[in-house]
N, C-alpha and C. Protein backbone atom coordinates (compact mmCIF):
# COMPACT_ATOMS: atom_id res chain seq x y z
N UNK A 1 101.60 -42.88 -98.90
CA UNK A 1 102.04 -43.26 -97.57
C UNK A 1 102.86 -42.14 -96.92
N UNK A 2 103.67 -41.43 -97.72
CA UNK A 2 104.54 -40.40 -97.14
C UNK A 2 104.03 -38.99 -97.38
N UNK A 3 102.90 -38.83 -98.06
CA UNK A 3 102.47 -37.47 -98.41
C UNK A 3 102.04 -36.65 -97.20
N UNK A 4 101.68 -37.27 -96.10
CA UNK A 4 101.29 -36.54 -94.91
C UNK A 4 102.47 -36.24 -93.98
N UNK A 5 103.66 -36.72 -94.34
CA UNK A 5 104.85 -36.51 -93.52
C UNK A 5 105.54 -35.23 -93.98
N UNK A 6 105.83 -34.29 -93.08
CA UNK A 6 106.53 -33.06 -93.48
C UNK A 6 107.92 -33.39 -94.05
N UNK A 7 108.34 -32.61 -95.03
CA UNK A 7 109.64 -32.87 -95.68
C UNK A 7 110.79 -32.85 -94.69
N UNK A 8 110.68 -32.05 -93.63
CA UNK A 8 111.75 -31.98 -92.64
C UNK A 8 111.93 -33.30 -91.90
N UNK A 9 110.94 -34.18 -91.95
CA UNK A 9 111.01 -35.47 -91.25
C UNK A 9 111.20 -36.65 -92.19
N UNK A 10 111.42 -36.41 -93.47
CA UNK A 10 111.54 -37.48 -94.43
C UNK A 10 112.71 -38.41 -94.17
N UNK A 11 113.82 -37.89 -93.68
CA UNK A 11 115.05 -38.69 -93.60
C UNK A 11 115.38 -39.14 -92.19
N UNK A 12 114.38 -39.33 -91.38
CA UNK A 12 114.59 -39.91 -90.06
C UNK A 12 114.76 -41.43 -90.25
N UNK A 13 115.37 -42.10 -89.30
CA UNK A 13 115.55 -43.56 -89.45
C UNK A 13 114.24 -44.31 -89.67
N UNK A 14 113.16 -43.90 -89.00
CA UNK A 14 111.88 -44.58 -89.16
C UNK A 14 111.35 -44.38 -90.58
N UNK A 15 111.43 -43.14 -91.08
CA UNK A 15 110.92 -42.87 -92.41
C UNK A 15 111.82 -43.44 -93.49
N UNK A 16 113.12 -43.52 -93.23
CA UNK A 16 114.00 -44.19 -94.19
C UNK A 16 113.60 -45.65 -94.37
N UNK A 17 113.19 -46.28 -93.29
CA UNK A 17 112.73 -47.67 -93.37
C UNK A 17 111.45 -47.76 -94.21
N UNK A 18 110.56 -46.77 -94.07
CA UNK A 18 109.34 -46.75 -94.87
C UNK A 18 109.67 -46.55 -96.35
N UNK A 19 110.60 -45.62 -96.63
CA UNK A 19 111.01 -45.39 -98.03
C UNK A 19 111.56 -46.68 -98.63
N UNK A 20 112.41 -47.36 -97.88
CA UNK A 20 113.02 -48.60 -98.37
C UNK A 20 111.96 -49.66 -98.64
N UNK A 21 111.00 -49.78 -97.76
CA UNK A 21 109.93 -50.76 -97.93
C UNK A 21 109.12 -50.45 -99.20
N UNK A 22 108.77 -49.16 -99.39
CA UNK A 22 108.00 -48.77 -100.58
C UNK A 22 108.81 -49.02 -101.85
N UNK A 23 110.11 -48.73 -101.80
CA UNK A 23 110.97 -48.93 -102.96
C UNK A 23 111.04 -50.41 -103.32
N UNK A 24 111.20 -51.26 -102.34
CA UNK A 24 111.27 -52.70 -102.59
C UNK A 24 109.96 -53.23 -103.17
N UNK A 25 108.83 -52.73 -102.66
CA UNK A 25 107.53 -53.13 -103.20
C UNK A 25 107.39 -52.68 -104.65
N UNK A 26 107.84 -51.48 -104.93
CA UNK A 26 107.75 -50.96 -106.29
C UNK A 26 108.64 -51.76 -107.24
N UNK A 27 109.85 -52.09 -106.82
CA UNK A 27 110.77 -52.86 -107.68
C UNK A 27 110.23 -54.24 -107.99
N UNK A 28 109.49 -54.82 -107.07
CA UNK A 28 108.94 -56.16 -107.27
C UNK A 28 107.59 -56.19 -107.96
N UNK A 29 107.06 -55.02 -108.29
CA UNK A 29 105.72 -54.97 -108.87
C UNK A 29 105.71 -55.49 -110.31
N UNK A 30 104.56 -55.94 -110.74
CA UNK A 30 104.39 -56.44 -112.09
C UNK A 30 104.62 -55.33 -113.12
N UNK A 31 104.18 -54.11 -112.82
CA UNK A 31 104.36 -52.99 -113.75
C UNK A 31 105.84 -52.72 -113.99
N UNK A 32 106.64 -52.79 -112.94
CA UNK A 32 108.08 -52.57 -113.09
C UNK A 32 108.72 -53.68 -113.92
N UNK A 33 108.30 -54.90 -113.71
CA UNK A 33 108.86 -56.02 -114.47
C UNK A 33 108.52 -55.91 -115.95
N UNK A 34 107.34 -55.35 -116.26
CA UNK A 34 106.96 -55.17 -117.66
C UNK A 34 107.79 -54.09 -118.33
N UNK A 35 108.16 -53.06 -117.57
CA UNK A 35 108.89 -51.93 -118.15
C UNK A 35 110.40 -52.11 -118.19
N UNK A 36 110.94 -53.05 -117.46
CA UNK A 36 112.38 -53.22 -117.37
C UNK A 36 113.03 -53.47 -118.73
N UNK A 37 112.53 -54.37 -119.59
CA UNK A 37 113.18 -54.55 -120.90
C UNK A 37 113.15 -53.28 -121.75
N UNK A 38 112.05 -52.54 -121.70
CA UNK A 38 111.96 -51.29 -122.45
C UNK A 38 112.97 -50.28 -121.93
N UNK A 39 113.10 -50.18 -120.61
CA UNK A 39 114.05 -49.27 -120.01
C UNK A 39 115.48 -49.63 -120.43
N UNK A 40 115.81 -50.91 -120.39
CA UNK A 40 117.16 -51.34 -120.76
C UNK A 40 117.46 -51.02 -122.23
N UNK A 41 116.47 -51.18 -123.10
CA UNK A 41 116.66 -50.86 -124.52
C UNK A 41 116.89 -49.36 -124.70
N UNK A 42 116.07 -48.54 -124.05
CA UNK A 42 116.22 -47.10 -124.15
C UNK A 42 117.55 -46.64 -123.56
N UNK A 43 117.94 -47.24 -122.45
CA UNK A 43 119.21 -46.88 -121.82
C UNK A 43 120.38 -47.18 -122.76
N UNK A 44 120.32 -48.32 -123.42
CA UNK A 44 121.37 -48.70 -124.36
C UNK A 44 121.42 -47.71 -125.53
N UNK A 45 120.25 -47.30 -126.04
CA UNK A 45 120.20 -46.33 -127.13
C UNK A 45 120.75 -44.97 -126.70
N UNK A 46 120.47 -44.56 -125.47
CA UNK A 46 120.92 -43.25 -125.01
C UNK A 46 122.40 -43.20 -124.65
N UNK A 47 123.01 -44.34 -124.38
CA UNK A 47 124.43 -44.37 -124.00
C UNK A 47 125.33 -43.79 -125.08
N UNK A 48 124.91 -43.83 -126.34
CA UNK A 48 125.75 -43.29 -127.40
C UNK A 48 125.85 -41.77 -127.31
N UNK A 49 124.95 -41.14 -126.56
CA UNK A 49 124.98 -39.69 -126.40
C UNK A 49 125.67 -39.24 -125.12
N UNK A 50 126.12 -40.17 -124.32
CA UNK A 50 126.79 -39.85 -123.07
C UNK A 50 128.27 -39.65 -123.34
N UNK A 51 128.85 -38.62 -122.75
CA UNK A 51 130.27 -38.34 -122.93
C UNK A 51 131.10 -39.46 -122.31
N UNK A 52 131.84 -40.15 -123.14
CA UNK A 52 132.65 -41.27 -122.66
C UNK A 52 134.08 -40.84 -122.36
N UNK A 53 134.42 -39.61 -122.69
CA UNK A 53 135.78 -39.14 -122.45
C UNK A 53 136.69 -39.37 -123.64
N UNK A 54 136.28 -40.19 -124.58
CA UNK A 54 137.06 -40.43 -125.80
C UNK A 54 136.18 -40.05 -126.98
N UNK A 55 136.06 -38.75 -127.22
CA UNK A 55 135.16 -38.30 -128.26
C UNK A 55 135.78 -38.49 -129.64
N UNK A 56 134.94 -38.76 -130.59
CA UNK A 56 135.36 -38.92 -131.98
C UNK A 56 134.75 -37.78 -132.77
N UNK A 57 135.42 -37.35 -133.78
CA UNK A 57 134.93 -36.23 -134.58
C UNK A 57 133.58 -36.60 -135.20
N UNK A 58 132.62 -35.72 -135.02
CA UNK A 58 131.30 -35.94 -135.59
C UNK A 58 130.37 -36.78 -134.74
N UNK A 59 130.83 -37.32 -133.64
CA UNK A 59 129.95 -38.12 -132.79
C UNK A 59 129.13 -37.18 -131.90
N UNK A 60 127.96 -37.61 -131.47
CA UNK A 60 127.10 -36.73 -130.69
C UNK A 60 127.60 -36.45 -129.28
N UNK A 61 128.63 -37.18 -128.81
CA UNK A 61 129.09 -36.98 -127.43
C UNK A 61 130.34 -36.11 -127.34
N UNK A 62 130.60 -35.28 -128.33
CA UNK A 62 131.79 -34.43 -128.31
C UNK A 62 131.64 -33.38 -127.22
N UNK A 63 132.53 -33.38 -126.22
CA UNK A 63 132.44 -32.35 -125.19
C UNK A 63 132.85 -31.00 -125.75
N UNK A 64 132.09 -29.96 -125.44
CA UNK A 64 132.38 -28.66 -126.02
C UNK A 64 132.58 -27.59 -124.97
N UNK A 65 132.17 -27.82 -123.73
CA UNK A 65 132.41 -26.84 -122.68
C UNK A 65 131.35 -25.76 -122.58
N UNK A 66 130.33 -25.79 -123.41
CA UNK A 66 129.29 -24.78 -123.35
C UNK A 66 128.17 -25.22 -122.42
N UNK A 67 127.57 -24.25 -121.77
CA UNK A 67 126.41 -24.51 -120.93
C UNK A 67 125.27 -23.70 -121.51
N UNK A 68 124.15 -24.36 -121.76
CA UNK A 68 123.00 -23.68 -122.33
C UNK A 68 122.13 -23.14 -121.22
N UNK A 69 121.70 -21.90 -121.39
CA UNK A 69 120.81 -21.27 -120.42
C UNK A 69 119.59 -20.76 -121.17
N UNK A 70 118.44 -21.22 -120.76
CA UNK A 70 117.19 -20.76 -121.35
C UNK A 70 116.48 -19.89 -120.33
N UNK A 71 116.34 -18.61 -120.64
CA UNK A 71 115.67 -17.69 -119.74
C UNK A 71 114.28 -17.41 -120.22
N UNK A 72 113.38 -17.43 -119.31
CA UNK A 72 111.99 -17.10 -119.64
C UNK A 72 111.80 -15.61 -119.44
N UNK A 73 111.21 -14.97 -120.42
CA UNK A 73 110.99 -13.51 -120.32
C UNK A 73 109.70 -13.20 -119.64
């Protein structure tokens, strides 16, 4: 629906209404309802890796201050 609209015009009030309509249709779709329990399970599993601000020694969420940079040669 939006692939023919130039990116410079994506965020006009008219197109925002189209985005909202498409989003609501997608959220109510049967495919989304089937995936929601799986998403919630995966989200719960991944939360243990998110920095909570109270790190414990040996836990995977220990903040270290390093930033990884992968350069392609």
